[in-house]
Protein backbone atom coordinates (compact mmCIF):
# COMPACT_ATOMS: atom_id res chain seq x y z
CA UNK A 1 121.16 86.13 110.13
CA UNK A 2 123.03 86.17 106.85
CA UNK A 3 124.36 89.22 105.34
CA UNK A 4 125.13 90.29 101.80
CA UNK A 5 128.46 92.09 100.81
CA UNK A 6 126.27 95.50 101.32
CA UNK A 7 124.78 94.96 104.46
CA UNK A 8 127.27 97.36 106.03
CA UNK A 9 126.18 100.00 103.29
CA UNK A 10 122.18 99.44 104.18
CA UNK A 11 123.06 100.00 108.11
CA UNK A 12 125.41 103.04 107.35
CA UNK A 13 122.82 104.85 105.21
CA UNK A 14 120.18 104.66 108.20
CA UNK A 15 117.91 101.63 106.41
CA UNK A 16 115.28 100.14 108.46
CA UNK A 17 116.51 96.39 108.69
CA UNK A 18 114.69 92.96 108.69
CA UNK A 19 115.00 89.29 108.53
CA UNK A 20 113.73 88.21 105.11
CA UNK A 21 114.60 84.70 103.62
CA UNK A 22 117.35 84.50 106.55
CA UNK A 23 119.11 87.69 105.28
CA UNK A 24 119.32 90.86 107.18
CA UNK A 25 117.76 93.06 104.82
CA UNK A 26 116.77 96.67 104.11
CA UNK A 27 113.13 97.26 104.15
CA UNK A 28 113.05 101.29 103.23
CA UNK A 29 115.43 104.06 103.57
CA UNK A 30 113.37 107.27 103.24
CA UNK A 31 110.35 105.61 103.30
CA UNK A 32 108.59 103.14 100.76
CA UNK A 33 106.21 105.83 98.92
CA UNK A 34 109.19 108.13 98.26
CA UNK A 35 111.35 105.06 97.52
CA UNK A 36 108.71 103.67 95.06
CA UNK A 37 108.12 107.08 93.41
CA UNK A 38 112.03 107.28 92.92
CA UNK A 39 112.27 104.15 90.69
CA UNK A 40 108.90 105.15 88.80
CA UNK A 41 110.66 108.51 87.90
CA UNK A 42 114.28 108.36 88.47
CA UNK A 43 116.70 105.60 89.48
CA UNK A 44 116.84 103.33 92.16
CA UNK A 45 119.26 100.51 93.62
CA UNK A 46 118.10 97.23 95.07
CA UNK A 47 120.37 95.01 96.89
CA UNK A 48 119.33 91.42 95.44
CA UNK A 49 122.42 89.59 96.53
CA UNK A 50 120.31 87.18 98.53
CA UNK A 51 118.62 85.78 95.06
CA UNK A 52 119.99 81.93 94.26
CA UNK A 53 122.04 81.30 91.35
CA UNK A 54 122.68 77.73 89.80
CA UNK A 55 124.53 76.69 86.88
CA UNK A 56 123.21 74.09 84.48
CA UNK A 57 126.01 72.79 82.41
CA UNK A 58 126.95 69.87 79.88
CA UNK A 59 125.52 68.15 76.96
CA UNK A 60 122.55 67.18 79.16
CA UNK A 61 121.67 70.50 80.21
CA UNK A 62 118.97 71.21 78.05
CA UNK A 63 117.28 67.67 78.55
CA UNK A 64 117.42 68.40 82.18
CA UNK A 65 115.80 71.85 81.88
CA UNK A 66 113.08 70.89 79.54
CA UNK A 67 112.40 67.91 82.22
CA UNK A 68 112.12 70.22 85.23
CA UNK A 69 110.49 73.71 83.94
CA UNK A 70 107.48 74.53 82.30
CA UNK A 71 108.79 76.57 79.67
CA UNK A 72 110.28 75.55 76.38
CA UNK A 73 114.01 75.95 77.10
CA UNK A 74 114.81 74.83 73.62
CA UNK A 75 113.54 77.99 72.09
CA UNK A 76 116.25 80.05 74.04
CA UNK A 77 119.33 81.35 72.11
CA UNK A 78 122.34 82.54 73.93
CA UNK A 79 121.76 86.10 75.35
CA UNK A 80 118.08 85.53 75.86
CA UNK A 81 116.42 84.98 79.08
CA UNK A 82 113.34 83.23 80.11
CA UNK A 83 110.81 83.28 82.87
CA UNK A 84 109.53 79.80 83.91
CA UNK A 85 108.80 77.51 87.05
CA UNK A 86 109.54 74.43 88.68
CA UNK A 87 106.31 72.27 88.46
CA UNK A 88 105.59 69.91 91.24
CA UNK A 89 104.04 66.00 91.42
CA UNK A 90 100.64 67.69 92.94
CA UNK A 91 99.83 70.43 90.37
CA UNK A 92 101.80 73.08 92.28
CA UNK A 93 105.02 75.49 91.85
CA UNK A 94 108.03 74.51 93.38
CA UNK A 95 109.24 78.00 92.70
CA UNK A 96 109.37 80.59 89.74
CA UNK A 97 112.44 81.15 88.29
CA UNK A 98 114.52 82.80 85.49
CA UNK A 99 116.73 80.85 82.90
CA UNK A 100 119.56 82.70 81.22
CA UNK A 101 121.24 81.14 78.25
CA UNK A 102 124.56 81.86 78.94
CA UNK A 103 126.44 79.85 76.06
CA UNK A 104 125.71 76.65 73.91
CA UNK A 105 125.38 74.18 76.77
CA UNK A 106 125.60 76.55 79.80
CA UNK A 107 122.62 77.92 81.52
CA UNK A 108 122.10 79.88 84.73
CA UNK A 109 119.11 79.80 86.86
CA UNK A 110 118.29 82.41 89.07
CA UNK A 111 115.65 81.54 91.85
CA UNK A 112 114.02 83.11 94.90
CA UNK A 113 116.05 83.81 98.36
CA UNK A 114 113.50 81.91 100.38
CA UNK A 115 113.80 78.81 98.41
CA UNK A 116 117.54 78.45 97.46
CA UNK A 117 118.14 75.36 99.40
CA UNK A 118 114.54 73.58 98.41
CA UNK A 119 115.38 74.44 95.03
CA UNK A 120 118.56 73.12 94.93
CA UNK A 121 117.67 69.63 96.37
CA UNK A 122 115.03 69.68 93.86
CA UNK A 123 117.27 69.82 91.06
CA UNK A 124 119.91 67.60 92.32
CA UNK A 125 117.01 64.97 93.33
CA UNK A 126 115.43 65.34 89.61
CA UNK A 127 118.67 65.14 87.94
CA UNK A 128 118.47 61.83 86.15
CA UNK A 129 120.32 62.85 83.05
CA UNK A 130 123.13 63.88 84.58
CA UNK A 131 123.39 67.56 83.90
CA UNK A 132 126.40 69.42 85.54
CA UNK A 133 125.16 71.14 88.42
CA UNK A 134 126.57 73.95 90.78
CA UNK A 135 125.06 76.05 93.39
CA UNK A 136 126.54 79.64 92.78
CA UNK A 137 124.53 81.41 95.08
CA UNK A 138 127.40 82.04 97.69
CA UNK A 139 129.76 83.27 95.03
CA UNK A 140 127.31 85.87 93.05
CA UNK A 141 126.19 89.39 94.30
CA UNK A 142 123.46 91.25 92.45
CA UNK A 143 122.16 94.75 92.42
CA UNK A 144 118.89 95.65 90.74
CA UNK A 145 119.40 99.66 89.11
CA UNK A 146 115.84 100.30 87.87
CA UNK A 147 114.02 103.22 86.52
CA UNK A 148 113.79 105.40 83.40
CA UNK A 149 117.23 107.14 84.07
CA UNK A 150 119.19 104.01 85.22
CA UNK A 151 120.34 103.62 81.59
CA UNK A 152 121.97 107.10 81.41
CA UNK A 153 123.53 106.54 85.04
CA UNK A 154 125.11 102.84 84.11
CA UNK A 155 126.00 103.67 80.57
CA UNK A 156 128.97 106.22 81.94
CA UNK A 157 130.29 102.45 83.35
CA UNK A 158 130.50 100.39 80.55
CA UNK A 159 131.21 100.48 76.66
CA UNK A 160 128.34 98.04 75.92
CA UNK A 161 125.72 99.83 74.40
CA UNK A 162 122.56 98.89 77.04
CA UNK A 163 120.11 100.59 74.56
CA UNK A 164 120.92 97.39 72.41
CA UNK A 165 119.64 94.96 75.30
CA UNK A 166 115.68 94.26 74.90
CA UNK A 167 113.81 93.14 77.57
CA UNK A 168 114.61 89.85 78.81
CA UNK A 169 118.33 89.42 77.04
CA UNK A 170 121.62 90.01 78.92
CA UNK A 171 125.03 90.16 77.86
CA UNK A 172 128.56 90.03 80.19
CA UNK A 173 131.54 92.32 79.88
CA UNK A 174 133.57 94.85 81.52
CA UNK A 175 131.67 97.07 84.07
CA UNK A 176 133.08 99.80 86.59
CA UNK A 177 136.45 98.50 85.62
CA UNK A 178 135.57 94.93 86.60
CA UNK A 179 135.46 91.92 84.31
CA UNK A 180 132.79 89.47 83.11
CA UNK A 181 129.91 91.35 85.21
CA UNK A 182 126.84 90.09 84.03
CA UNK A 183 124.42 92.86 82.57
CA UNK A 184 120.75 91.90 82.27
CA UNK A 185 117.33 93.52 81.40
CA UNK A 186 114.91 91.41 83.52
CA UNK A 187 113.18 94.15 85.94
CA UNK A 188 110.77 93.31 88.39
CA UNK A 189 109.72 96.90 88.60
CA UNK A 190 107.86 97.59 85.39
CA UNK A 191 110.02 100.78 85.56
CA UNK A 192 112.93 99.75 83.01
CA UNK A 193 116.60 99.39 84.64
CA UNK A 194 119.13 96.43 84.77
CA UNK A 195 120.55 93.87 86.72
CA UNK A 196 124.07 93.60 87.72
CA UNK A 197 125.55 90.11 88.77
CA UNK A 198 129.33 90.03 89.96
CA UNK A 199 131.53 88.47 92.37
CA UNK A 200 131.25 89.50 96.19
CA UNK A 201 134.73 90.97 95.80
CA UNK A 202 133.75 93.73 93.51
CA UNK A 203 130.80 94.42 95.51
CA UNK A 204 131.97 97.81 97.29
CA UNK A 205 133.75 99.00 93.74
CA UNK A 206 130.23 98.47 91.77
CA UNK A 207 128.19 100.17 94.47
CA UNK A 208 130.40 102.98 94.70
CA UNK A 209 130.54 103.57 90.92
CA UNK A 210 126.95 103.06 90.35
CA UNK A 211 126.02 105.52 93.04
CA UNK A 212 128.26 108.10 91.67
CA UNK A 213 127.35 107.75 88.27
CA UNK A 214 123.75 108.11 89.21
CA UNK A 215 124.20 111.07 91.44
CA UNK A 216 122.93 113.64 88.85
CA UNK A 217 119.95 111.65 88.05
CA UNK A 218 118.75 111.40 91.77
CA UNK A 219 119.69 108.14 92.52
CA UNK A 220 118.76 106.22 96.03
CA UNK A 221 119.22 103.21 97.65
CA UNK A 222 115.63 101.18 97.62
CA UNK A 223 114.29 98.89 100.07
CA UNK A 224 112.56 95.30 99.69
CA UNK A 225 109.21 97.34 100.67
CA UNK A 226 109.22 99.52 97.40
CA UNK A 227 110.33 96.43 95.55
CA UNK A 228 107.07 94.67 96.71
CA UNK A 229 104.67 97.83 96.22
CA UNK A 230 106.28 98.03 92.47
CA UNK A 231 105.94 94.73 91.45
CA UNK A 232 102.72 94.26 92.58
CA UNK A 233 101.37 97.52 90.44
CA UNK A 234 102.73 95.63 87.66
CA UNK A 235 100.91 92.46 88.71
CA UNK A 236 104.04 90.37 88.94
CA UNK A 237 103.69 87.33 90.99
CA UNK A 238 105.59 86.99 94.28
CA UNK A 239 106.54 83.41 95.39
CA UNK A 240 105.11 82.51 98.84
CA UNK A 241 102.25 84.99 98.33
CA UNK A 242 100.32 84.39 94.99
CA UNK A 243 102.76 81.40 94.01
CA UNK A 244 103.30 78.52 96.28
CA UNK A 245 103.45 74.47 96.58
CA UNK A 246 99.80 74.50 95.89
CA UNK A 247 98.81 76.61 93.49
CA UNK A 248 99.03 75.67 89.71
CA UNK A 249 100.83 77.93 86.94
CA UNK A 250 97.32 77.47 85.01
CA UNK A 251 95.34 78.87 87.90
CA UNK A 252 98.00 81.63 88.47
CA UNK A 253 97.72 82.99 85.14
CA UNK A 254 101.14 81.48 84.09
CA UNK A 255 99.61 79.44 80.96
CA UNK A 256 102.27 81.64 78.81
CA UNK A 257 105.28 80.01 80.45
CA UNK A 258 103.78 76.59 80.58
CA UNK A 259 104.60 74.83 76.98
CA UNK A 260 103.17 71.77 75.94
CA UNK A 261 105.44 71.51 73.01
CA UNK A 262 106.42 67.96 71.38
CA UNK A 263 109.25 66.06 73.36
CA UNK A 264 108.65 68.17 76.64
CA UNK A 265 107.65 65.70 79.30
CA UNK A 266 108.00 68.16 82.15
CA UNK A 267 106.94 67.28 85.42
CA UNK A 268 103.18 66.99 86.09
CA UNK A 269 102.61 67.97 82.10
CA UNK A 270 99.46 65.79 81.92
CA UNK A 271 97.69 67.28 85.16
CA UNK A 272 98.56 70.92 83.68
CA UNK A 273 97.20 70.03 80.18
CA UNK A 274 94.14 69.30 81.67
CA UNK A 275 93.73 72.07 83.44
CA UNK A 276 94.52 74.11 80.46
CA UNK A 277 92.05 72.45 78.30
CA UNK A 278 89.25 71.93 80.81
CA UNK A 279 89.65 74.97 83.21
CA UNK A 280 90.73 75.31 86.78
CA UNK A 281 88.37 75.65 89.92
CA UNK A 282 90.21 79.05 90.90
CA UNK A 283 91.73 81.84 89.19
CA UNK A 284 94.40 84.60 90.19
CA UNK A 285 92.89 88.02 89.53
CA UNK A 286 93.79 91.74 89.90
CA UNK A 287 91.39 93.99 91.77
CA UNK A 288 91.39 97.80 92.74
CA UNK A 289 89.26 99.04 95.43
CA UNK A 290 85.82 101.21 95.21
CA UNK A 291 85.68 101.69 98.73
CA UNK A 292 88.61 103.28 100.95
CA UNK A 293 90.55 100.48 102.45
CA UNK A 294 93.99 98.88 102.03
CA UNK A 295 93.49 94.59 101.15
CA UNK A 296 96.07 92.45 103.03
CA UNK A 297 97.40 89.00 102.33
CA UNK A 298 95.20 86.89 103.87
CA UNK A 299 91.76 88.82 103.81
CA UNK A 300 88.57 86.86 102.46
CA UNK A 301 87.05 87.89 99.20
CA UNK A 302 83.50 87.84 98.82
CA UNK A 303 80.98 87.95 95.57
CA UNK A 304 78.24 91.08 95.79
CA UNK A 305 75.81 88.82 97.06
CA UNK A 306 77.90 87.76 100.44
CA UNK A 307 79.14 84.44 98.95
CA UNK A 308 82.56 83.66 99.61
CA UNK A 309 84.82 83.47 96.60
CA UNK A 310 88.35 83.25 97.48
CA UNK A 311 91.48 84.88 99.42
CA UNK A 312 93.50 88.17 99.08
CA UNK A 313 97.33 86.95 98.18
CA UNK A 314 98.87 90.33 97.88
CA UNK A 315 97.86 93.82 98.69
CA UNK A 316 98.52 97.63 99.25
CA UNK A 317 97.98 100.75 98.48
CA UNK A 318 99.34 101.78 95.28
CA UNK A 319 101.88 104.78 95.98
CA UNK A 320 100.91 106.00 92.19
CA UNK A 321 97.45 105.67 91.94
CA UNK A 322 96.42 106.45 95.68
CA UNK A 323 93.91 103.62 95.72
CA UNK A 324 94.07 100.23 97.32
CA UNK A 325 95.03 97.49 94.72
CA UNK A 326 95.73 93.45 95.22
CA UNK A 327 95.64 90.33 93.63
CA UNK A 328 93.75 87.06 94.81
CA UNK A 329 92.39 83.67 93.83
CA UNK A 330 88.51 83.54 93.25
CA UNK A 331 86.36 80.87 91.69
CA UNK A 332 86.24 81.17 87.96
CA UNK A 333 82.98 82.78 87.66
CA UNK A 334 84.13 85.99 89.26
CA UNK A 335 87.08 86.60 87.49
CA UNK A 336 85.83 88.24 84.71
CA UNK A 337 86.87 91.92 84.39
CA UNK A 338 84.45 94.24 85.82
CA UNK A 339 83.03 92.08 88.30
CA UNK A 340 82.18 93.56 91.61
CA UNK A 341 83.28 91.84 94.71
CA UNK A 342 83.85 92.55 98.44
CA UNK A 343 86.93 92.25 100.88
CA UNK A 344 86.46 91.66 104.32
CA UNK A 345 88.35 94.12 106.21
CA UNK A 346 88.06 93.31 109.71
CA UNK A 347 84.37 92.52 109.86
CA UNK A 348 83.73 95.43 107.08
CA UNK A 349 82.62 94.18 103.55
CA UNK A 350 84.25 96.66 101.29
CA UNK A 351 83.67 96.92 97.51
CA UNK A 352 86.46 96.01 94.98
CA UNK A 353 86.26 95.68 91.13
CA UNK A 354 88.07 93.06 89.11
CA UNK A 355 91.02 94.38 86.81
CA UNK A 356 93.41 93.31 84.18
CA UNK A 357 96.86 94.37 86.00
CA UNK A 358 99.18 96.22 85.56
CA UNK A 359 97.49 98.91 87.97
CA UNK A 360 100.05 101.61 87.16
CA UNK A 361 98.54 103.70 84.53
């Protein structure tokens, strides 16, 4: 398995380790519920160095990104970040990703760890514009420092005013004595905080500095288990569960990142535009359990009168609500908020109700 610059830290701290996207990653330390609540109430640190990073540069960078991504990259100014996806030719999604407008004619794409090779091959094979592409995934480390007290801890380590970084913006500068660290506010937890991108050589120094700065605020290392429950409580999609090569952004409720603006002829635009106008055969919805039970990926969904209507894509027991929550694709007529549905849990059909995420109140 691959390692990150922090793998030894995780093992020495007693993390439960497991393979994820080819990497030896920490799943939990003190327990998923404890870690989840730490992020909601204080501050936690995720090692997300397994994520992929591609630079897109040169005079043709924008034209290339306008073709391969669904969102309108032309609307970005330097210092802004955009959530988007790579549509495929079949109406599905190659991957969902972030686009950072680093400076004029220079962009950073942050892609899912499990799709690095797939995404890189997709970009290279579709680069008829001649944009300058660089796969920097092996040369970047990343920590996500999340929670309401993250800003108090991290502000000790930089002269950059972190309160001046609104959601989906970033800057770069000195952090913990290291130059040219990217500091971003794009969190995947709904609890506030920042992401730090830096060279792997600086990893140990930055890890130690962050934990020292956060000690007074109860900082803890957090595993991928709590990352999943945190994102699900917010209703954020996870590629491989809620999104894949067969799910369209319109079905997934991502019409807001699918911009049919003039002169943006992105991959498979006509099909997605038709879906936007005419509707889809299924929709991604959120639901919470009425009966006691924990929904899991792959469980079948039924209407109240027993008709099979879809499947669960993500599910868990909400650490903050103490009820089962989840997301899944259903026939459109069952997607309205308040609709009662049932989930087949090992032969028992348990009641749930369609709600609009986030689930965290």
